Protein backbone atom coordinates (compact mmCIF):
# COMPACT_ATOMS: atom_id res chain seq x y z
CA MET A 1 104.54 95.07 71.27
CA VAL A 2 102.46 94.74 74.42
CA LYS A 3 99.48 96.80 75.49
CA LEU A 4 100.54 99.05 78.34
CA PRO A 5 98.58 98.62 81.60
CA PRO A 6 96.75 101.43 83.43
CA LEU A 7 98.97 104.00 85.15
CA SER A 8 98.84 105.30 88.73
CA LEU A 9 100.96 107.81 90.67
CA TYR A 10 102.15 107.33 94.25
CA ILE A 11 103.41 110.35 96.23
CA HIS A 12 105.18 109.87 99.57
CA ILE A 13 105.11 112.39 102.43
CA PRO A 14 107.64 111.00 104.93
CA TRP A 15 106.98 112.87 108.18
CA CYS A 16 104.92 111.96 111.24
CA VAL A 17 104.44 113.77 114.53
CA GLN A 18 105.97 110.69 116.16
CA LYS A 19 106.89 107.17 115.08
CA CYS A 20 104.37 104.50 116.14
CA PRO A 21 105.90 101.40 117.79
CA TYR A 22 104.37 98.98 115.25
CA CYS A 23 105.17 100.98 112.10
CA ASP A 24 107.76 99.75 109.60
CA PHE A 25 106.77 102.18 106.85
CA ASN A 26 109.20 104.84 105.65
CA SER A 27 108.20 107.49 108.17
CA HIS A 28 110.32 109.91 110.18
CA ALA A 29 109.45 111.80 113.37
CA LEU A 30 109.16 115.48 112.55
CA LYS A 31 111.81 117.77 114.01
CA GLY A 32 110.73 121.37 113.65
CA GLU A 33 108.33 122.60 110.98
CA VAL A 34 107.18 120.71 107.90
CA PRO A 35 109.15 122.06 104.89
CA HIS A 36 105.92 122.40 102.88
CA ASP A 37 107.04 124.39 99.85
CA ASP A 38 110.55 122.99 99.69
CA TYR A 39 109.44 119.36 99.74
CA VAL A 40 106.72 119.96 97.15
CA GLN A 41 109.30 121.45 94.78
CA HIS A 42 111.53 118.43 95.33
CA LEU A 43 108.57 116.14 94.60
CA LEU A 44 107.82 117.91 91.34
CA CYS A 45 111.50 117.80 90.37
CA ASP A 46 111.40 114.07 91.08
CA LEU A 47 108.34 113.75 88.85
CA ASP A 48 110.12 115.66 86.07
CA ASN A 49 112.74 112.90 86.02
CA ASP A 50 110.08 110.17 85.74
CA VAL A 51 107.43 111.83 83.60
CA ALA A 52 108.57 110.05 80.43
CA TYR A 53 107.51 106.74 82.01
CA ALA A 54 103.89 107.73 81.46
CA GLN A 55 104.42 107.15 77.73
CA GLY A 56 101.37 109.21 76.85
CA ARG A 57 99.01 107.45 79.25
CA GLU A 58 96.47 109.15 81.48
CA VAL A 59 96.95 108.76 85.21
CA LYS A 60 93.94 106.86 86.53
CA THR A 61 94.66 107.17 90.26
CA ILE A 62 96.87 109.14 92.65
CA PHE A 63 97.64 108.02 96.19
CA ILE A 64 99.35 110.39 98.64
CA GLY A 65 100.71 108.26 101.47
CA GLY A 66 103.16 108.46 104.32
CA GLY A 67 104.10 109.22 106.90
CA THR A 68 101.29 111.66 107.56
CA PRO A 69 100.23 113.54 104.41
CA SER A 70 97.71 115.56 106.45
CA LEU A 71 100.68 117.45 107.93
CA LEU A 72 101.02 119.14 104.52
CA SER A 73 99.36 122.55 104.31
CA GLY A 74 96.41 123.21 102.03
CA PRO A 75 98.35 125.61 99.77
CA ALA A 76 101.20 123.09 99.49
CA MET A 77 98.74 120.37 98.46
CA GLN A 78 97.29 122.75 95.85
CA THR A 79 100.76 123.46 94.45
CA LEU A 80 101.59 119.75 94.41
CA LEU A 81 98.48 118.62 92.56
CA ASP A 82 98.57 121.60 90.19
CA GLY A 83 102.16 120.61 89.41
CA VAL A 84 101.14 117.02 88.76
CA ARG A 85 98.34 118.13 86.42
CA ALA A 86 100.78 120.37 84.54
CA ARG A 87 103.10 117.42 83.93
CA LEU A 88 100.78 114.44 83.45
CA PRO A 89 97.35 113.99 81.88
CA LEU A 90 94.84 112.95 84.54
CA ALA A 91 91.75 110.94 83.71
CA ALA A 92 88.58 113.02 84.08
CA ASP A 93 87.38 110.64 86.81
CA ALA A 94 90.79 110.10 88.44
CA GLU A 95 90.64 108.83 92.01
CA ILE A 96 92.88 111.03 94.21
CA THR A 97 93.39 109.61 97.70
CA MET A 98 95.35 111.02 100.61
CA GLU A 99 96.01 109.51 104.03
CA ALA A 100 95.13 111.49 107.15
CA ASN A 101 95.85 111.10 110.85
CA PRO A 102 92.88 112.10 113.05
CA GLY A 103 95.32 113.95 115.31
CA THR A 104 96.25 116.35 112.50
CA VAL A 105 92.77 116.91 111.03
CA GLU A 106 91.51 120.49 110.69
CA ALA A 107 88.23 121.34 108.98
CA ASP A 108 89.65 124.20 106.91
CA ARG A 109 92.59 122.07 105.81
CA PHE A 110 90.28 119.25 104.67
CA VAL A 111 88.33 121.77 102.59
CA ASP A 112 91.61 122.99 101.08
CA TYR A 113 92.60 119.42 100.20
CA GLN A 114 89.27 118.88 98.48
CA ARG A 115 89.64 122.15 96.58
CA ALA A 116 93.09 121.02 95.43
CA GLY A 117 91.55 117.89 93.90
CA VAL A 118 91.57 115.24 96.63
CA ASN A 119 88.35 113.24 96.33
CA ARG A 120 89.05 110.32 98.68
CA ILE A 121 90.52 110.41 102.20
CA SER A 122 91.87 107.45 104.16
CA ILE A 123 91.76 108.08 107.92
CA GLY A 124 94.08 106.13 110.22
CA VAL A 125 91.70 105.47 113.11
CA GLN A 126 93.24 102.09 114.20
CA SER A 127 91.02 101.83 117.32
CA PHE A 128 88.31 103.65 119.27
CA SER A 129 89.78 102.57 122.62
CA GLU A 130 91.73 105.23 124.51
CA ASP A 131 93.92 102.55 126.10
CA LYS A 132 94.65 100.76 122.83
CA LEU A 133 95.45 104.02 121.04
CA LYS A 134 97.96 104.92 123.74
CA ARG A 135 99.60 101.49 123.48
CA LEU A 136 99.82 101.92 119.71
CA GLY A 137 101.54 105.28 120.18
CA ARG A 138 98.79 107.17 118.36
CA ILE A 139 98.50 110.93 118.91
CA HIS A 140 94.69 111.04 118.68
CA GLY A 141 91.86 109.89 120.92
CA PRO A 142 88.50 108.21 120.13
CA GLN A 143 86.59 111.49 119.79
CA GLU A 144 89.12 112.91 117.35
CA ALA A 145 88.78 109.76 115.25
CA LYS A 146 85.00 110.10 115.13
CA ARG A 147 85.24 113.82 114.39
CA ALA A 148 87.60 113.17 111.47
CA ALA A 149 85.29 110.52 110.01
CA LYS A 150 82.23 112.77 110.31
CA LEU A 151 84.16 115.65 108.75
CA ALA A 152 85.18 113.49 105.79
CA SER A 153 81.61 112.27 105.39
CA GLY A 154 80.25 115.82 105.39
CA LEU A 155 82.59 117.07 102.67
CA GLY A 156 80.78 115.21 99.91
CA LEU A 157 83.91 113.42 98.75
CA ARG A 158 83.69 110.56 96.29
CA SER A 159 84.60 108.20 99.14
CA PHE A 160 86.46 107.90 102.41
CA ASN A 161 88.13 105.00 104.18
CA LEU A 162 88.71 104.16 107.82
CA ASP A 163 91.80 102.14 108.75
CA LEU A 164 91.14 99.87 111.72
CA MET A 165 93.43 97.32 113.37
CA HIS A 166 92.58 94.16 115.31
CA GLY A 167 94.64 91.63 117.23
CA LEU A 168 95.96 94.46 119.39
CA PRO A 169 97.90 93.95 122.64
CA ASP A 170 95.66 92.22 125.23
CA GLN A 171 92.60 92.82 123.02
CA SER A 172 89.55 90.68 123.71
CA LEU A 173 87.04 89.50 121.12
CA GLU A 174 84.44 91.95 122.40
CA GLU A 175 86.90 94.85 122.32
CA ALA A 176 87.82 94.09 118.70
CA LEU A 177 84.18 93.74 117.64
CA GLY A 178 83.29 96.90 119.58
CA ASP A 179 85.86 98.85 117.56
CA LEU A 180 84.43 97.43 114.35
CA ARG A 181 80.84 98.25 115.32
CA GLN A 182 81.81 101.87 116.03
CA ALA A 183 83.52 102.10 112.65
CA ILE A 184 80.49 100.66 110.86
CA GLU A 185 78.21 103.16 112.65
CA LEU A 186 80.18 105.97 110.98
CA ASN A 187 79.12 104.48 107.62
CA PRO A 188 82.37 104.79 105.64
CA PRO A 189 82.08 103.56 102.03
CA HIS A 190 85.36 101.67 102.59
CA LEU A 191 86.91 99.94 105.61
CA SER A 192 90.44 98.55 105.85
CA TRP A 193 90.55 96.03 108.71
CA TYR A 194 94.11 94.95 109.38
CA GLN A 195 95.51 92.43 111.83
CA LEU A 196 98.44 93.87 113.78
CA THR A 197 101.65 92.11 112.83
CA ILE A 198 104.95 92.53 114.63
CA GLU A 199 107.62 93.70 112.19
CA PRO A 200 111.39 93.70 112.68
CA ASN A 201 113.10 97.08 113.07
CA THR A 202 110.18 98.46 115.08
CA LEU A 203 109.81 99.12 118.81
CA PHE A 204 107.27 96.28 119.04
CA GLY A 205 109.78 94.09 117.21
CA SER A 206 112.40 94.64 119.89
CA ARG A 207 109.92 94.52 122.80
CA PRO A 208 106.95 92.41 121.63
CA PRO A 209 103.67 93.00 123.46
CA VAL A 210 101.28 90.19 124.38
CA LEU A 211 98.92 89.63 121.45
CA PRO A 212 95.82 87.41 121.15
CA ASP A 213 96.63 83.79 120.30
CA ASP A 214 95.78 82.20 116.94
CA ASP A 215 92.41 80.83 118.08
CA ALA A 216 91.38 84.23 119.41
CA LEU A 217 92.55 85.92 116.20
CA TRP A 218 90.47 83.52 114.12
CA ASP A 219 87.37 84.23 116.22
CA ILE A 220 87.95 87.98 115.81
CA PHE A 221 88.34 87.66 112.05
CA GLU A 222 85.39 85.29 111.57
CA GLN A 223 82.92 87.28 113.63
CA GLY A 224 84.24 90.60 112.33
CA HIS A 225 83.84 89.40 108.75
CA GLN A 226 80.23 88.46 109.53
CA LEU A 227 79.59 91.93 110.98
CA LEU A 228 81.02 93.63 107.91
CA THR A 229 79.11 91.41 105.50
CA ALA A 230 75.84 92.01 107.36
CA ALA A 231 76.48 95.77 107.12
CA GLY A 232 76.77 95.57 103.32
CA TYR A 233 80.55 95.51 102.93
CA GLN A 234 82.18 93.18 100.42
CA GLN A 235 85.69 91.82 101.00
CA TYR A 236 87.79 92.34 97.87
CA GLU A 237 91.32 92.12 99.30
CA THR A 238 92.76 90.40 102.36
CA SER A 239 92.05 93.37 104.64
CA ALA A 240 89.86 95.59 102.44
CA TYR A 241 86.08 95.84 102.58
CA ALA A 242 83.93 98.20 100.55
CA LYS A 243 80.32 99.00 99.80
CA PRO A 244 79.50 98.07 96.16
CA GLY A 245 81.27 100.45 93.77
CA TYR A 246 83.64 101.89 96.39
CA GLN A 247 86.71 99.67 96.03
CA CYS A 248 90.01 101.57 96.12
CA GLN A 249 90.97 101.79 92.44
CA HIS A 250 94.60 102.62 93.27
CA ASN A 251 95.07 99.44 95.27
CA LEU A 252 93.26 97.40 92.63
CA ASN A 253 95.76 98.66 90.06
CA TYR A 254 98.57 97.25 92.22
CA TRP A 255 96.79 93.91 92.57
CA ARG A 256 96.16 93.73 88.81
CA PHE A 257 99.85 94.34 88.05
CA GLY A 258 99.25 97.81 86.67
CA ASP A 259 101.97 100.44 86.34
CA TYR A 260 102.72 103.18 88.83
CA ILE A 261 105.18 106.04 89.07
CA GLY A 262 106.48 106.63 92.60
CA ILE A 263 107.84 109.99 93.74
CA GLY A 264 109.14 111.14 97.11
CA CYS A 265 111.23 109.58 99.87
CA GLY A 266 111.40 105.80 99.50
CA ALA A 267 108.69 105.64 96.83
CA HIS A 268 108.60 102.61 94.55
CA GLY A 269 107.56 102.52 90.90
CA LYS A 270 106.84 99.88 88.28
CA VAL A 271 106.81 100.74 84.58
CA THR A 272 106.08 98.54 81.56
CA PHE A 273 107.56 99.28 78.13
CA PRO A 274 106.05 98.37 74.73
CA ASP A 275 108.67 95.64 74.20
CA GLY A 276 107.54 93.91 77.40
CA ARG A 277 110.41 95.06 79.61
CA ILE A 278 109.50 96.04 83.17
CA LEU A 279 111.46 98.66 85.12
CA ARG A 280 111.20 98.94 88.89
CA THR A 281 112.32 102.15 90.58
CA THR A 282 113.09 102.99 94.22
CA LYS A 283 113.78 106.46 95.56
CA THR A 284 116.15 107.42 98.39
CA ARG A 285 114.42 106.67 101.71
CA HIS A 286 115.65 109.30 104.14
CA PRO A 287 114.64 112.94 103.58
CA ARG A 288 118.24 114.13 103.97
CA GLY A 289 119.45 111.76 101.26
CA PHE A 290 116.46 112.54 99.04
CA TYR A 291 117.14 116.28 99.30
CA ALA A 292 120.86 115.82 98.71
CA ARG A 293 120.35 113.84 95.49
CA LYS A 294 117.84 116.34 94.12
CA VAL A 295 120.12 119.30 94.93
CA SER A 296 123.02 117.54 93.20
CA GLY A 297 120.87 116.98 90.12
CA LYS A 298 120.97 113.19 90.45
CA PRO A 299 117.79 111.08 90.25
CA ALA A 300 116.28 110.57 93.70
């Protein structure tokens, strides 16, 4: 018999307003309206099939990723998290994170998310440069990014994160550090600072842009790391920096080989059993296929 590791829950919302040219995540450009209520019911049905994997454990963290989870309405988020709480025991101090695109941020909706139980928001800023945002295919501008960060800060959440990318097409050292300085000025408890990588099966993969060379990338990383350290951030993963006590507990559970149930389009799960066996699960990626399997009564 082995001691079971901590348990997390990952929930995938697959839609975006449009597909970014660098993105290889399981996201799909929205055609028409978001099927808020319908998709939430399919998610909860998916969870019903997997709920036994909890094996009596409390859920320590929830991460709602995408896609763009901030396309989901406030009432739909309330129904979703109420449904999760009705099916699984949540730790009293459970970290509940959702991703948000600054281009879909509305003050009332953020308040609704918080009321539903979300206590940590991860905002996909990526850059504060109008030109770089356009080249990345983002639907927001610099002012929307700053507004979203200030809104998250003013809600009194447990924490919020800003996602920022460097090594962007034709990006200079000063441009990269300028982005980072603007992010630091917003004082997020957590900063994810990713280097852009070109992935196959993306628009950038088929038509690669000109990126900084390796020497330039090293200078960006080295000087950026110094900026973050001087501002009080501690690096605890390759691209993750946090003020003391604000590390993302959900991601740490992944790194520590914890268990996680994954529900929704393309979601992955990893479950340990008392005899030491490990089960890995993968759900149907495309929304049409996901819906079809749930309607037929088959596992997603």
